[in-house]
Amino acid sequence: MGEPARQAEVVDLGEYLDKTIIELDNTIRELQATRTAFAIKRAVLRAATSGSIQQGAADYETRVGEQRPYEDAQDPAQLIAEAHRRFVT
């Protein structure tokens, strides 16, 4: 067996491992952000090709163009949040 490690070498190794863990955490956060961005883009693509979404958008544009109230419209932020919740879960 060899000699025991000197204290300075152990501290250096500890600092190295701390820095490595921080780098891994940062990389994981970046990958998660990228994954979320791709999931949102995919949801948008699915919505763009959905017949019911296209029909609803056409109806909305017609009503706005004719200056008719859109009685059954809901809060757009709520609709987007619900769509995202359903897509992610």
C-alpha atoms as a PDB file:
ATOM      1  CA  MET A   1       0.000   0.000   0.000  1.00  0.00           C
ATOM      2  CA  GLY A   2       1.069   3.576  -0.571  1.00  0.00           C
ATOM      3  CA  GLU A   3       1.358   6.535   1.700  1.00  0.00           C
ATOM      4  CA  PRO A   4      -1.743   8.259   3.021  1.00  0.00           C
ATOM      5  CA  ALA A   5      -2.807  11.263   0.978  1.00  0.00           C
ATOM      6  CA  ARG A   6      -1.657  14.626   2.204  1.00  0.00           C
ATOM      7  CA  GLN A   7      -4.364  16.962   3.516  1.00  0.00           C
ATOM      8  CA  ALA A   8      -3.846  19.460   0.669  1.00  0.00           C
ATOM      9  CA  GLU A   9      -4.508  16.725  -1.908  1.00  0.00           C
ATOM     10  CA  VAL A  10      -7.734  15.708  -0.158  1.00  0.00           C
ATOM     11  CA  VAL A  11      -8.964  19.309  -0.036  1.00  0.00           C
ATOM     12  CA  ASP A  12      -8.156  19.778  -3.718  1.00  0.00           C
ATOM     13  CA  LEU A  13     -10.113  16.634  -4.575  1.00  0.00           C
ATOM     14  CA  GLY A  14     -13.070  17.864  -2.506  1.00  0.00           C
ATOM     15  CA  GLU A  15     -13.074  21.222  -4.293  1.00  0.00           C
ATOM     16  CA  TYR A  16     -12.830  19.444  -7.642  1.00  0.00           C
ATOM     17  CA  LEU A  17     -15.834  17.261  -6.796  1.00  0.00           C
ATOM     18  CA  ASP A  18     -17.826  20.286  -5.599  1.00  0.00           C
ATOM     19  CA  LYS A  19     -17.129  22.104  -8.881  1.00  0.00           C
ATOM     20  CA  THR A  20     -18.009  18.976 -10.867  1.00  0.00           C
ATOM     21  CA  ILE A  21     -21.346  18.635  -9.055  1.00  0.00           C
ATOM     22  CA  ILE A  22     -22.140  22.301  -9.763  1.00  0.00           C
ATOM     23  CA  GLU A  23     -21.321  21.802 -13.455  1.00  0.00           C
ATOM     24  CA  LEU A  24     -23.560  18.729 -13.584  1.00  0.00           C
ATOM     25  CA  ASP A  25     -26.421  20.595 -11.925  1.00  0.00           C
ATOM     26  CA  ASN A  26     -26.067  23.459 -14.415  1.00  0.00           C
ATOM     27  CA  THR A  27     -25.997  21.045 -17.345  1.00  0.00           C
ATOM     28  CA  ILE A  28     -29.099  19.240 -16.090  1.00  0.00           C
ATOM     29  CA  ARG A  29     -30.950  22.573 -15.744  1.00  0.00           C
ATOM     30  CA  GLU A  30     -29.976  23.551 -19.288  1.00  0.00           C
ATOM     31  CA  LEU A  31     -31.095  20.183 -20.663  1.00  0.00           C
ATOM     32  CA  GLN A  32     -34.414  20.433 -18.824  1.00  0.00           C
ATOM     33  CA  ALA A  33     -34.985  23.919 -20.246  1.00  0.00           C
ATOM     34  CA  THR A  34     -34.205  22.641 -23.752  1.00  0.00           C
ATOM     35  CA  ARG A  35     -36.541  19.658 -23.267  1.00  0.00           C
ATOM     36  CA  THR A  36     -39.340  21.962 -22.100  1.00  0.00           C
ATOM     37  CA  ALA A  37     -38.837  24.229 -25.107  1.00  0.00           C
ATOM     38  CA  PHE A  38     -39.073  21.253 -27.471  1.00  0.00           C
ATOM     39  CA  ALA A  39     -42.203  19.976 -25.711  1.00  0.00           C
ATOM     40  CA  ILE A  40     -43.859  23.372 -26.128  1.00  0.00           C
ATOM     41  CA  LYS A  41     -42.906  23.511 -29.817  1.00  0.00           C
ATOM     42  CA  ARG A  42     -44.367  20.020 -30.285  1.00  0.00           C
ATOM     43  CA  ALA A  43     -47.589  21.061 -28.560  1.00  0.00           C
ATOM     44  CA  VAL A  44     -47.837  24.061 -30.872  1.00  0.00           C
ATOM     45  CA  LEU A  45     -47.328  21.830 -33.914  1.00  0.00           C
ATOM     46  CA  ARG A  46     -50.042  19.442 -32.719  1.00  0.00           C
ATOM     47  CA  ALA A  47     -52.412  22.335 -32.105  1.00  0.00           C
ATOM     48  CA  ALA A  48     -51.676  23.825 -35.527  1.00  0.00           C
ATOM     49  CA  THR A  49     -52.776  20.628 -37.254  1.00  0.00           C
ATOM     50  CA  SER A  50     -55.813  20.004 -35.031  1.00  0.00           C
ATOM     51  CA  GLY A  51     -59.061  20.431 -36.910  1.00  0.00           C
ATOM     52  CA  SER A  52     -60.927  21.639 -33.844  1.00  0.00           C
ATOM     53  CA  ILE A  53     -58.269  24.264 -33.115  1.00  0.00           C
ATOM     54  CA  GLN A  54     -58.362  25.486 -36.720  1.00  0.00           C
ATOM     55  CA  GLN A  55     -62.166  25.624 -36.648  1.00  0.00           C
ATOM     56  CA  GLY A  56     -62.129  27.577 -33.385  1.00  0.00           C
ATOM     57  CA  ALA A  57     -59.558  30.031 -34.738  1.00  0.00           C
ATOM     58  CA  ALA A  58     -61.587  30.547 -37.916  1.00  0.00           C
ATOM     59  CA  ASP A  59     -64.755  31.133 -35.891  1.00  0.00           C
ATOM     60  CA  TYR A  60     -62.958  33.610 -33.647  1.00  0.00           C
ATOM     61  CA  GLU A  61     -61.539  35.526 -36.621  1.00  0.00           C
ATOM     62  CA  THR A  62     -65.001  35.687 -38.204  1.00  0.00           C
ATOM     63  CA  ARG A  63     -66.602  36.996 -35.014  1.00  0.00           C
ATOM     64  CA  VAL A  64     -63.876  39.602 -34.495  1.00  0.00           C
ATOM     65  CA  GLY A  65     -64.088  40.666 -38.148  1.00  0.00           C
ATOM     66  CA  GLU A  66     -67.838  41.135 -37.830  1.00  0.00           C
ATOM     67  CA  GLN A  67     -67.401  42.898 -34.478  1.00  0.00           C
ATOM     68  CA  ARG A  68     -69.672  40.381 -32.795  1.00  0.00           C
ATOM     69  CA  PRO A  69     -69.105  39.533 -29.139  1.00  0.00           C
ATOM     70  CA  TYR A  70     -67.466  36.225 -28.432  1.00  0.00           C
ATOM     71  CA  GLU A  71     -69.597  35.184 -25.477  1.00  0.00           C
ATOM     72  CA  ASP A  72     -67.984  31.821 -24.839  1.00  0.00           C
ATOM     73  CA  ALA A  73     -64.376  33.045 -24.995  1.00  0.00           C
ATOM     74  CA  GLN A  74     -62.279  32.180 -21.972  1.00  0.00           C
ATOM     75  CA  ASP A  75     -59.137  33.730 -20.567  1.00  0.00           C
ATOM     76  CA  PRO A  76     -56.397  32.862 -23.121  1.00  0.00           C
ATOM     77  CA  ALA A  77     -53.749  32.459 -20.403  1.00  0.00           C
ATOM     78  CA  GLN A  78     -55.962  29.921 -18.632  1.00  0.00           C
ATOM     79  CA  LEU A  79     -56.489  27.965 -21.862  1.00  0.00           C
ATOM     80  CA  ILE A  80     -52.752  27.890 -22.592  1.00  0.00           C
ATOM     81  CA  ALA A  81     -51.946  26.828 -19.027  1.00  0.00           C
ATOM     82  CA  GLU A  82     -54.486  24.002 -19.205  1.00  0.00           C
ATOM     83  CA  ALA A  83     -53.185  22.827 -22.587  1.00  0.00           C
ATOM     84  CA  HIS A  84     -49.630  22.836 -21.242  1.00  0.00           C
ATOM     85  CA  ARG A  85     -50.696  20.939 -18.103  1.00  0.00           C
ATOM     86  CA  ARG A  86     -52.395  18.262 -20.191  1.00  0.00           C
ATOM     87  CA  PHE A  87     -49.418  17.961 -22.535  1.00  0.00           C
ATOM     88  CA  VAL A  88     -46.812  17.720 -19.784  1.00  0.00           C
ATOM     89  CA  THR A  89     -48.715  15.222 -17.614  1.00  0.00           C
END
